[in-house]
């Protein structure tokens, strides 16, 4: 039995939120690219704005992985 259930619960919640954020950022990038005026603005959105927004949307997933790793380390140390 693990003593780190709270960390794992928060990790699952953050992962779910992160996946939703990535989908929202991707949809927002597509809409933004459609609404842009001209070729250069559209390319700027697709090549610069899109990757940055999607990268920032993945931060909750990274935090969730860190929380899950902390819980794994805690379980391993507690078992010894």
C-alpha atoms as a PDB file:
ATOM      1  CA  UNK A   1       0.000   0.000   0.000  1.00  0.00           C
ATOM      2  CA  UNK A   2       1.386   3.360  -0.974  1.00  0.00           C
ATOM      3  CA  UNK A   3       1.516   6.402   1.248  1.00  0.00           C
ATOM      4  CA  UNK A   4       1.665   8.725  -1.744  1.00  0.00           C
ATOM      5  CA  UNK A   5      -1.876   8.436  -3.044  1.00  0.00           C
ATOM      6  CA  UNK A   6      -2.401  12.188  -2.893  1.00  0.00           C
ATOM      7  CA  UNK A   7       0.586  12.822  -5.155  1.00  0.00           C
ATOM      8  CA  UNK A   8      -0.635  10.228  -7.613  1.00  0.00           C
ATOM      9  CA  UNK A   9      -4.143  11.735  -7.589  1.00  0.00           C
ATOM     10  CA  UNK A  10      -2.774  15.202  -8.333  1.00  0.00           C
ATOM     11  CA  UNK A  11      -0.575  13.707 -11.050  1.00  0.00           C
ATOM     12  CA  UNK A  12      -3.584  12.097 -12.712  1.00  0.00           C
ATOM     13  CA  UNK A  13      -5.571  15.335 -12.486  1.00  0.00           C
ATOM     14  CA  UNK A  14      -2.704  17.376 -13.932  1.00  0.00           C
ATOM     15  CA  UNK A  15      -2.209  14.863 -16.748  1.00  0.00           C
ATOM     16  CA  UNK A  16      -5.887  15.097 -17.671  1.00  0.00           C
ATOM     17  CA  UNK A  17      -5.762  18.894 -17.541  1.00  0.00           C
ATOM     18  CA  UNK A  18      -2.540  18.906 -19.599  1.00  0.00           C
ATOM     19  CA  UNK A  19      -4.026  16.737 -22.346  1.00  0.00           C
ATOM     20  CA  UNK A  20      -7.061  19.019 -22.536  1.00  0.00           C
ATOM     21  CA  UNK A  21      -4.738  22.031 -22.657  1.00  0.00           C
ATOM     22  CA  UNK A  22      -2.752  20.574 -25.547  1.00  0.00           C
ATOM     23  CA  UNK A  23      -5.930  19.933 -27.533  1.00  0.00           C
ATOM     24  CA  UNK A  24      -7.172  23.446 -26.785  1.00  0.00           C
ATOM     25  CA  UNK A  25      -3.823  24.969 -27.802  1.00  0.00           C
ATOM     26  CA  UNK A  26      -3.797  23.006 -31.052  1.00  0.00           C
ATOM     27  CA  UNK A  27      -7.354  24.049 -31.868  1.00  0.00           C
ATOM     28  CA  UNK A  28      -6.547  27.640 -30.957  1.00  0.00           C
ATOM     29  CA  UNK A  29      -3.507  27.589 -33.219  1.00  0.00           C
ATOM     30  CA  UNK A  30      -5.577  26.364 -36.150  1.00  0.00           C
ATOM     31  CA  UNK A  31      -8.228  29.022 -35.548  1.00  0.00           C
ATOM     32  CA  UNK A  32      -5.543  31.691 -35.110  1.00  0.00           C
ATOM     33  CA  UNK A  33      -3.870  30.646 -38.373  1.00  0.00           C
ATOM     34  CA  UNK A  34      -7.190  30.842 -40.220  1.00  0.00           C
ATOM     35  CA  UNK A  35      -7.896  34.300 -38.816  1.00  0.00           C
ATOM     36  CA  UNK A  36      -4.434  35.689 -39.636  1.00  0.00           C
ATOM     37  CA  UNK A  37      -4.172  38.245 -42.446  1.00  0.00           C
ATOM     38  CA  UNK A  38      -1.701  37.297 -45.150  1.00  0.00           C
ATOM     39  CA  UNK A  39       0.803  34.577 -45.805  1.00  0.00           C
ATOM     40  CA  UNK A  40       3.565  35.830 -43.500  1.00  0.00           C
ATOM     41  CA  UNK A  41       1.313  36.191 -40.471  1.00  0.00           C
ATOM     42  CA  UNK A  42      -0.106  32.722 -41.081  1.00  0.00           C
ATOM     43  CA  UNK A  43       3.391  31.259 -41.352  1.00  0.00           C
ATOM     44  CA  UNK A  44       4.401  33.102 -38.180  1.00  0.00           C
ATOM     45  CA  UNK A  45       1.456  31.625 -36.323  1.00  0.00           C
ATOM     46  CA  UNK A  46       2.158  28.110 -37.572  1.00  0.00           C
ATOM     47  CA  UNK A  47       5.954  28.166 -37.170  1.00  0.00           C
ATOM     48  CA  UNK A  48       6.379  30.317 -34.040  1.00  0.00           C
ATOM     49  CA  UNK A  49       3.142  30.902 -32.140  1.00  0.00           C
ATOM     50  CA  UNK A  50       1.761  27.386 -32.429  1.00  0.00           C
ATOM     51  CA  UNK A  51       4.780  25.491 -31.119  1.00  0.00           C
ATOM     52  CA  UNK A  52       5.232  27.930 -28.238  1.00  0.00           C
ATOM     53  CA  UNK A  53       1.591  27.674 -27.155  1.00  0.00           C
ATOM     54  CA  UNK A  54       1.584  23.888 -27.404  1.00  0.00           C
ATOM     55  CA  UNK A  55       4.872  23.700 -25.481  1.00  0.00           C
ATOM     56  CA  UNK A  56       3.444  25.848 -22.690  1.00  0.00           C
ATOM     57  CA  UNK A  57       0.316  23.693 -22.646  1.00  0.00           C
ATOM     58  CA  UNK A  58       2.449  20.616 -21.878  1.00  0.00           C
ATOM     59  CA  UNK A  59       3.794  22.050 -18.623  1.00  0.00           C
ATOM     60  CA  UNK A  60       1.052  20.454 -16.454  1.00  0.00           C
ATOM     61  CA  UNK A  61       2.005  17.070 -17.917  1.00  0.00           C
ATOM     62  CA  UNK A  62       5.646  17.650 -16.950  1.00  0.00           C
ATOM     63  CA  UNK A  63       4.658  18.594 -13.403  1.00  0.00           C
ATOM     64  CA  UNK A  64       2.480  15.469 -13.217  1.00  0.00           C
ATOM     65  CA  UNK A  65       5.417  13.298 -14.259  1.00  0.00           C
ATOM     66  CA  UNK A  66       7.564  14.930 -11.576  1.00  0.00           C
ATOM     67  CA  UNK A  67       4.919  14.252  -8.916  1.00  0.00           C
ATOM     68  CA  UNK A  68       4.623  10.649 -10.049  1.00  0.00           C
ATOM     69  CA  UNK A  69       8.411  10.253  -9.916  1.00  0.00           C
ATOM     70  CA  UNK A  70       8.522  11.681  -6.388  1.00  0.00           C
ATOM     71  CA  UNK A  71       5.846   9.187  -5.323  1.00  0.00           C
ATOM     72  CA  UNK A  72       7.785   6.312  -6.919  1.00  0.00           C
ATOM     73  CA  UNK A  73      10.996   7.328  -5.151  1.00  0.00           C
ATOM     74  CA  UNK A  74       9.097   7.624  -1.857  1.00  0.00           C
ATOM     75  CA  UNK A  75       7.638   4.153  -2.267  1.00  0.00           C
ATOM     76  CA  UNK A  76      11.041   2.688  -3.117  1.00  0.00           C
ATOM     77  CA  UNK A  77      12.759   4.317  -0.144  1.00  0.00           C
ATOM     78  CA  UNK A  78       9.943   3.369   2.253  1.00  0.00           C
ATOM     79  CA  UNK A  79      10.187  -0.281   1.192  1.00  0.00           C
ATOM     80  CA  UNK A  80      13.787  -0.537   2.398  1.00  0.00           C
END
